[in-house]
Amino acid sequence: MYSNKFSRLMLGLCCRKSSAVCGVVRSGFSWTTVCQQRTLWLQRNDFLEMEKHTVLRQTGLAKPPGARSVSQTTVDPSELRRFQSLASKWWDEQGEFAALHAMNDLRVPFIRDNLLNVHRARHPGKPLAGLRILDVGCGGGLLTEPLGRLGATVLGIDPVENSIGTAQLHSSYDPDLRDQVSYQACTLEELSAEEEGGEQEQGAAQFDAVVASEVVEHLADLETFAFCCSNVLKPGGSLFITTINKTNLSYALGIIVAEQILRIVPNGTHDWEKFISPEELERLLESNGFSVQSVQGMLYNPLSGAWSWTNSTAINYALHAVRLKDAAEDSSPHPEDHAAAAHS
């Protein structure tokens, strides 16, 4: 996730890039140097990966070429420690999460409008009434609460117990959220296992939508994430993701400038290897039974503190995907079919 300080870099760096001559700007920042450093870094990582695969082949543990590592857990312990230290700061609108507060102006309507395109029922004042939404990596509930106010029944989950405590405390101040929002300190894979092992009727405990906003770039295993999202969603359910693209610009902003040059965030805050392009994310989701419906670029303006939609997905983007129905699910009778038969 972007901290407020990190977000201030975006506009300035873009302006510097456009005024550069032969990759060099007056401040001494060199876009060419950034790209060269990234290339060297990738070459070093590729060499280390080759060495690791050589050892794995010799021991018979090698995975197929191009396959992502599957660790069976989405949690990265280092990310857990980092967000543990920030658990009390979620609702400081001028603090580390200021950009996330501002992002609600885009991501809440994005989720609402796409869900209304799928679910035609209209509930004046509560457009998402009757829908059950899972907010993965909910933190302090910054997105959970506005979705609940739109009428949805929302479960927010996060592996950081102190963040869940912050979310529960904040939502308790609004009586309108009492029956709409709940929280659970757990991982997505733990919840998915609960859904599989539950004694309820099949499908009764599944979700109409899963939201993972500014989350996937912090996960240890995206294969497990995609599989579990598919597992907890109803057939035809929606998955909403906002994240950071894997580009030269995101590398320069997140690694070189923010961490190594300006020291605005601690070195190691972002792992460029965890960033994912829209194309790779789409392939991952499609291999887990999803169909991507739309991808839209997002841009943060540090001067106004506001987000806007853009045609470019070079830095941030939002994605909407739908879980496809299995052949067995398509051929099985629907509840309304049983009702019609009973009255015939």
Protein backbone atom coordinates (compact mmCIF):
# COMPACT_ATOMS: atom_id res chain seq x y z
CA MET A 1 0.00 0.00 0.00
CA TYR A 2 1.06 3.56 -0.55
CA SER A 3 1.83 5.67 2.44
CA ASN A 4 0.89 9.33 2.25
CA LYS A 5 4.54 10.33 1.90
CA PHE A 6 5.10 7.83 -0.87
CA SER A 7 2.09 9.10 -2.78
CA ARG A 8 3.61 12.59 -2.97
CA LEU A 9 6.26 11.22 -5.30
CA MET A 10 3.96 10.23 -8.12
CA LEU A 11 3.13 13.54 -9.75
CA GLY A 12 6.60 14.97 -9.33
CA LEU A 13 8.34 11.98 -10.83
CA CYS A 14 6.01 11.87 -13.80
CA CYS A 15 6.75 15.55 -14.45
CA ARG A 16 10.48 14.92 -14.15
CA LYS A 17 10.28 12.09 -16.60
CA SER A 18 8.50 14.21 -19.20
CA SER A 19 11.09 16.99 -18.94
CA ALA A 20 14.08 14.69 -19.08
CA VAL A 21 16.63 14.95 -21.87
CA CYS A 22 18.34 11.67 -22.74
CA GLY A 23 17.02 10.27 -19.46
CA VAL A 24 18.67 12.87 -17.20
CA VAL A 25 16.92 15.64 -15.29
CA ARG A 26 18.27 18.70 -13.52
CA SER A 27 17.97 17.17 -10.05
CA GLY A 28 20.44 14.47 -11.02
CA PHE A 29 17.73 11.79 -11.15
CA SER A 30 18.45 9.54 -14.12
CA TRP A 31 15.65 7.48 -15.59
CA THR A 32 18.21 5.56 -17.62
CA THR A 33 20.13 4.73 -14.45
CA VAL A 34 16.94 3.50 -12.80
CA CYS A 35 16.26 1.13 -15.69
CA GLN A 36 19.88 -0.05 -15.70
CA GLN A 37 19.77 -0.73 -11.96
CA ARG A 38 16.53 -2.63 -12.37
CA THR A 39 18.05 -4.71 -15.19
CA LEU A 40 21.08 -5.58 -13.05
CA TRP A 41 18.81 -6.43 -10.14
CA LEU A 42 16.69 -8.73 -12.31
CA GLN A 43 19.77 -10.39 -13.79
CA ARG A 44 21.09 -11.08 -10.29
CA ASN A 45 17.72 -12.53 -9.26
CA ASP A 46 17.55 -14.64 -12.42
CA PHE A 47 21.01 -16.02 -11.66
CA LEU A 48 19.97 -16.89 -8.10
CA GLU A 49 16.77 -18.51 -9.38
CA MET A 50 18.77 -20.61 -11.86
CA GLU A 51 21.04 -21.74 -9.05
CA LYS A 52 18.04 -22.63 -6.91
CA HIS A 53 16.35 -24.58 -9.73
CA THR A 54 19.57 -26.48 -10.37
CA VAL A 55 19.56 -27.65 -6.77
CA LEU A 56 15.84 -28.48 -6.95
CA ARG A 57 16.32 -30.52 -10.13
CA GLN A 58 19.15 -32.44 -8.50
CA THR A 59 16.92 -33.24 -5.52
CA GLY A 60 13.84 -33.96 -7.64
CA LEU A 61 11.84 -31.05 -6.20
CA ALA A 62 11.74 -28.77 -9.24
CA LYS A 63 8.41 -27.29 -10.28
CA PRO A 64 7.28 -26.98 -13.93
CA PRO A 65 8.83 -24.06 -15.88
CA GLY A 66 6.88 -20.82 -15.50
CA ALA A 67 4.81 -22.06 -12.58
CA ARG A 68 4.33 -19.74 -9.64
CA SER A 69 5.49 -20.88 -6.24
CA VAL A 70 2.62 -22.29 -4.20
CA SER A 71 3.20 -22.00 -0.47
CA GLN A 72 -0.41 -22.80 0.57
CA THR A 73 -0.50 -19.59 2.60
CA THR A 74 -1.11 -16.03 1.46
CA VAL A 75 0.59 -14.53 4.51
CA ASP A 76 4.09 -13.05 4.32
CA PRO A 77 5.46 -12.80 7.89
CA SER A 78 7.42 -9.63 7.11
CA GLU A 79 4.27 -7.93 5.80
CA LEU A 80 2.42 -9.09 8.91
CA ARG A 81 4.97 -7.42 11.17
CA ARG A 82 4.86 -4.21 9.15
CA PHE A 83 1.09 -3.83 9.33
CA GLN A 84 1.07 -4.86 12.96
CA SER A 85 3.07 -1.72 13.71
CA LEU A 86 0.50 0.39 11.83
CA ALA A 87 -2.65 -1.20 13.27
CA SER A 88 -3.66 1.80 15.35
CA LYS A 89 -3.29 4.31 12.50
CA TRP A 90 -5.92 3.16 10.02
CA TRP A 91 -8.41 5.93 10.73
CA ASP A 92 -5.92 8.81 10.69
CA GLU A 93 -7.02 10.45 7.43
CA GLN A 94 -3.85 12.55 7.30
CA GLY A 95 -1.48 9.71 8.22
CA GLU A 96 0.08 6.71 6.51
CA PHE A 97 -3.23 5.60 5.00
CA ALA A 98 -4.42 8.97 3.69
CA ALA A 99 -4.24 7.79 0.07
CA LEU A 100 -6.42 4.78 0.90
CA HIS A 101 -9.06 7.00 2.48
CA ALA A 102 -9.08 9.08 -0.71
CA MET A 103 -9.25 5.95 -2.89
CA ASN A 104 -12.76 5.22 -1.60
CA ASP A 105 -14.02 7.92 -3.97
CA LEU A 106 -13.14 5.56 -6.84
CA ARG A 107 -13.25 2.04 -5.49
CA VAL A 108 -16.64 2.21 -3.72
CA PRO A 109 -18.54 3.36 -6.87
CA PHE A 110 -16.50 0.87 -8.94
CA ILE A 111 -17.69 -2.01 -6.77
CA ARG A 112 -21.26 -0.69 -6.41
CA ASP A 113 -21.86 -0.03 -10.10
CA ASN A 114 -20.43 -3.34 -11.30
CA LEU A 115 -22.49 -5.27 -8.76
CA LEU A 116 -25.64 -3.42 -9.81
CA ASN A 117 -24.95 -4.43 -13.41
CA VAL A 118 -25.06 -8.07 -12.30
CA HIS A 119 -27.76 -7.91 -9.61
CA ARG A 120 -30.77 -6.07 -10.99
CA ALA A 121 -32.76 -5.78 -7.77
CA ARG A 122 -33.23 -2.17 -6.68
CA HIS A 123 -33.28 -1.09 -3.04
CA PRO A 124 -33.60 2.71 -2.77
CA GLY A 125 -31.00 4.10 -0.38
CA LYS A 126 -29.42 0.66 0.10
CA PRO A 127 -28.41 -0.43 -3.42
CA LEU A 128 -26.38 -3.44 -2.26
CA ALA A 129 -29.01 -4.80 0.15
CA GLY A 130 -29.21 -8.59 0.04
CA LEU A 131 -25.62 -9.05 -1.12
CA ARG A 132 -22.90 -10.69 0.97
CA ILE A 133 -19.39 -9.30 0.45
CA LEU A 134 -16.01 -10.51 1.73
CA ASP A 135 -13.36 -7.80 2.24
CA VAL A 136 -9.97 -9.58 2.18
CA GLY A 137 -7.16 -7.78 3.99
CA CYS A 138 -9.65 -5.28 5.38
CA GLY A 139 -7.19 -3.60 7.76
CA GLY A 140 -9.10 -1.14 9.89
CA GLY A 141 -12.28 -1.39 7.80
CA LEU A 142 -11.72 1.62 5.51
CA LEU A 143 -13.59 -0.09 2.66
CA THR A 144 -15.72 -2.47 4.73
CA GLU A 145 -17.75 0.30 6.36
CA PRO A 146 -18.87 2.20 3.22
CA LEU A 147 -19.92 -1.08 1.57
CA GLY A 148 -21.98 -1.86 4.67
CA ARG A 149 -23.61 1.57 4.51
CA LEU A 150 -24.71 0.74 0.95
CA GLY A 151 -26.75 -2.13 2.40
CA ALA A 152 -24.41 -5.09 1.86
CA THR A 153 -23.67 -7.59 4.59
CA VAL A 154 -19.87 -7.39 4.76
CA LEU A 155 -17.34 -9.64 6.47
CA GLY A 156 -13.89 -8.11 6.80
CA ILE A 157 -10.96 -10.45 7.40
CA ASP A 158 -7.34 -9.69 8.17
CA PRO A 159 -4.52 -11.76 9.71
CA VAL A 160 -3.44 -8.81 11.91
CA GLU A 161 -5.52 -9.11 15.06
CA ASN A 162 -4.82 -5.54 16.17
CA SER A 163 -6.15 -4.21 12.85
CA ILE A 164 -9.32 -6.21 13.36
CA GLY A 165 -9.58 -4.71 16.84
CA THR A 166 -9.26 -1.23 15.37
CA ALA A 167 -11.96 -2.02 12.78
CA GLN A 168 -14.36 -3.41 15.38
CA LEU A 169 -13.89 -0.43 17.66
CA HIS A 170 -14.46 2.10 14.88
CA SER A 171 -17.58 0.40 13.50
CA SER A 172 -19.06 0.19 17.01
CA TYR A 173 -19.52 3.98 17.00
CA ASP A 174 -22.06 3.70 14.15
CA PRO A 175 -25.23 1.80 15.16
CA ASP A 176 -26.28 1.56 11.50
CA LEU A 177 -23.36 -0.82 10.90
CA ARG A 178 -24.24 -3.21 13.72
CA ASP A 179 -26.11 -5.65 11.50
CA GLN A 180 -24.19 -4.92 8.31
CA VAL A 181 -20.50 -5.30 9.18
CA SER A 182 -18.56 -7.98 11.04
CA TYR A 183 -14.88 -8.81 11.33
CA GLN A 184 -12.76 -11.90 11.79
CA ALA A 185 -9.03 -12.23 12.44
CA CYS A 186 -8.06 -14.94 9.96
CA THR A 187 -6.50 -15.54 6.56
CA LEU A 188 -8.38 -16.12 3.33
CA GLU A 189 -7.28 -19.73 3.19
CA GLU A 190 -8.50 -20.34 6.74
CA LEU A 191 -11.90 -18.91 5.87
CA SER A 192 -11.99 -20.97 2.67
CA ALA A 193 -11.31 -24.13 4.67
CA GLU A 194 -14.17 -23.19 7.03
CA GLU A 195 -16.50 -22.80 4.05
CA GLU A 196 -15.50 -26.24 2.73
CA GLY A 197 -15.87 -27.95 6.10
CA GLY A 198 -19.05 -26.18 7.17
CA GLU A 199 -22.19 -28.14 7.91
CA GLN A 200 -24.45 -25.65 6.16
CA GLU A 201 -26.19 -26.44 2.90
CA GLN A 202 -23.85 -26.11 -0.06
CA GLY A 203 -23.62 -22.50 -1.23
CA ALA A 204 -25.46 -21.07 1.78
CA ALA A 205 -22.34 -19.50 3.30
CA GLN A 206 -20.71 -18.29 0.10
CA PHE A 207 -20.27 -14.70 -1.04
CA ASP A 208 -21.72 -12.61 -3.85
CA ALA A 209 -18.49 -10.62 -4.08
CA VAL A 210 -14.90 -10.67 -2.83
CA VAL A 211 -12.90 -7.45 -2.54
CA ALA A 212 -9.10 -7.31 -2.25
CA SER A 213 -8.06 -3.66 -2.50
CA GLU A 214 -4.34 -2.85 -2.28
CA VAL A 215 -3.74 -6.34 -0.96
CA VAL A 216 -2.32 -8.70 -3.59
CA GLU A 217 1.04 -6.88 -3.75
CA HIS A 218 1.60 -7.92 -0.13
CA LEU A 219 0.69 -11.61 -0.44
CA ALA A 220 3.06 -14.55 -0.34
CA ASP A 221 1.16 -16.74 -2.80
CA LEU A 222 -1.24 -15.50 -5.48
CA GLU A 223 -2.14 -19.02 -6.65
CA THR A 224 -3.58 -19.80 -3.24
CA PHE A 225 -5.30 -16.41 -3.18
CA ALA A 226 -7.02 -16.95 -6.54
CA PHE A 227 -8.05 -20.50 -5.68
CA CYS A 228 -9.54 -19.47 -2.34
CA CYS A 229 -11.39 -16.52 -3.89
CA SER A 230 -13.01 -18.89 -6.36
CA ASN A 231 -13.83 -21.28 -3.53
CA VAL A 232 -15.72 -18.76 -1.37
CA LEU A 233 -17.57 -17.04 -4.23
CA LYS A 234 -20.94 -18.08 -5.54
CA PRO A 235 -21.02 -19.04 -9.23
CA GLY A 236 -21.36 -15.74 -11.06
CA GLY A 237 -19.95 -13.86 -8.07
CA SER A 238 -17.64 -10.88 -8.55
CA LEU A 239 -14.01 -10.37 -7.58
CA PHE A 240 -12.69 -6.81 -7.26
CA ILE A 241 -8.95 -6.09 -7.06
CA THR A 242 -6.96 -2.87 -6.96
CA THR A 243 -3.16 -3.18 -7.03
CA ILE A 244 0.13 -1.93 -8.51
CA ASN A 245 1.41 -2.82 -11.96
CA LYS A 246 4.85 -4.32 -12.52
CA THR A 247 6.51 -1.66 -14.69
CA ASN A 248 9.61 0.53 -14.85
CA LEU A 249 7.62 3.38 -13.36
CA SER A 250 6.33 1.34 -10.41
CA TYR A 251 9.86 0.05 -9.81
CA ALA A 252 11.27 3.57 -9.87
CA LEU A 253 8.58 4.92 -7.54
CA GLY A 254 8.37 2.02 -5.14
CA ILE A 255 11.99 0.87 -4.95
CA ILE A 256 14.59 3.31 -6.27
CA VAL A 257 13.14 6.74 -5.46
CA ALA A 258 11.09 6.08 -2.33
CA GLU A 259 13.47 3.68 -0.62
CA GLN A 260 16.98 4.19 -1.97
CA ILE A 261 17.17 7.84 -3.08
CA LEU A 262 14.80 9.94 -0.99
CA ARG A 263 14.49 7.50 1.94
CA ILE A 264 10.82 8.45 2.30
CA VAL A 265 9.90 4.88 3.22
CA PRO A 266 12.19 2.30 4.85
CA ASN A 267 14.30 0.20 2.53
CA GLY A 268 12.44 -3.04 1.83
CA THR A 269 8.92 -1.66 2.22
CA HIS A 270 8.00 -2.70 -1.34
CA ASP A 271 8.98 -5.87 -3.13
CA TRP A 272 8.81 -5.23 -6.88
CA GLU A 273 8.69 -8.97 -7.47
CA LYS A 274 5.25 -9.03 -5.81
CA PHE A 275 3.83 -6.43 -8.18
CA ILE A 276 1.76 -7.96 -10.96
CA SER A 277 0.72 -6.75 -14.39
CA PRO A 278 -2.94 -6.77 -15.46
CA GLU A 279 -2.10 -9.37 -18.11
CA GLU A 280 -0.47 -11.76 -15.65
CA LEU A 281 -3.26 -11.26 -13.12
CA GLU A 282 -5.86 -11.98 -15.79
CA ARG A 283 -4.07 -15.22 -16.77
CA LEU A 284 -3.90 -16.26 -13.12
CA LEU A 285 -7.58 -15.59 -12.55
CA GLU A 286 -8.71 -17.30 -15.75
CA SER A 287 -6.77 -20.42 -14.75
CA ASN A 288 -8.82 -20.44 -11.54
CA GLY A 289 -12.23 -20.18 -13.16
CA PHE A 290 -12.69 -16.41 -13.54
CA SER A 291 -13.53 -14.21 -16.50
CA VAL A 292 -12.07 -10.70 -16.33
CA GLN A 293 -14.74 -8.13 -17.18
CA SER A 294 -12.83 -4.84 -16.98
CA VAL A 295 -9.46 -3.30 -16.12
CA GLN A 296 -9.12 0.43 -15.47
CA GLY A 297 -6.07 2.57 -14.65
CA MET A 298 -6.00 4.74 -11.54
CA LEU A 299 -3.91 7.84 -10.79
CA TYR A 300 -3.29 9.63 -7.51
CA ASN A 301 -2.71 13.40 -7.53
CA PRO A 302 -0.61 14.28 -4.45
CA LEU A 303 -1.40 17.99 -4.86
CA SER A 304 -5.16 17.58 -4.55
CA GLY A 305 -5.06 14.33 -2.57
CA ALA A 306 -7.56 12.81 -5.01
CA TRP A 307 -7.68 9.73 -7.23
CA SER A 308 -8.97 9.71 -10.80
CA TRP A 309 -9.54 7.16 -13.53
CA THR A 310 -7.01 7.08 -16.36
CA ASN A 311 -6.46 5.05 -19.52
CA SER A 312 -2.97 4.14 -18.34
CA THR A 313 -2.45 1.13 -16.08
CA ALA A 314 1.27 1.85 -15.71
CA ILE A 315 1.09 2.36 -11.94
CA ASN A 316 -2.25 1.54 -10.27
CA TYR A 317 -5.26 -0.27 -11.70
CA ALA A 318 -8.62 -1.74 -10.72
CA LEU A 319 -9.93 -5.07 -12.02
CA HIS A 320 -13.35 -6.72 -11.98
CA ALA A 321 -13.68 -10.45 -12.65
CA VAL A 322 -16.59 -12.89 -12.42
CA ARG A 323 -16.41 -16.50 -11.30
CA LEU A 324 -17.65 -18.69 -14.13
CA LYS A 325 -20.29 -21.33 -13.56
CA ASP A 326 -19.21 -24.96 -13.84
CA ALA A 327 -20.95 -27.16 -16.38
CA ALA A 328 -22.70 -29.02 -13.56
CA GLU A 329 -23.88 -25.74 -12.08
CA ASP A 330 -25.19 -24.52 -15.44
CA SER A 331 -27.20 -27.72 -15.95
CA SER A 332 -28.55 -27.96 -12.39
CA PRO A 333 -32.06 -26.62 -11.72
CA HIS A 334 -32.26 -23.17 -10.17
CA PRO A 335 -34.45 -22.45 -7.11
CA GLU A 336 -36.91 -20.51 -9.25
CA ASP A 337 -37.22 -23.55 -11.54
CA HIS A 338 -38.28 -25.67 -8.54
CA ALA A 339 -40.82 -23.05 -7.55
CA ALA A 340 -42.28 -22.90 -11.03
CA ALA A 341 -42.54 -26.69 -11.17
CA ALA A 342 -44.32 -26.77 -7.80
CA HIS A 343 -47.01 -24.39 -9.06
CA SER A 344 -47.52 -26.10 -12.43
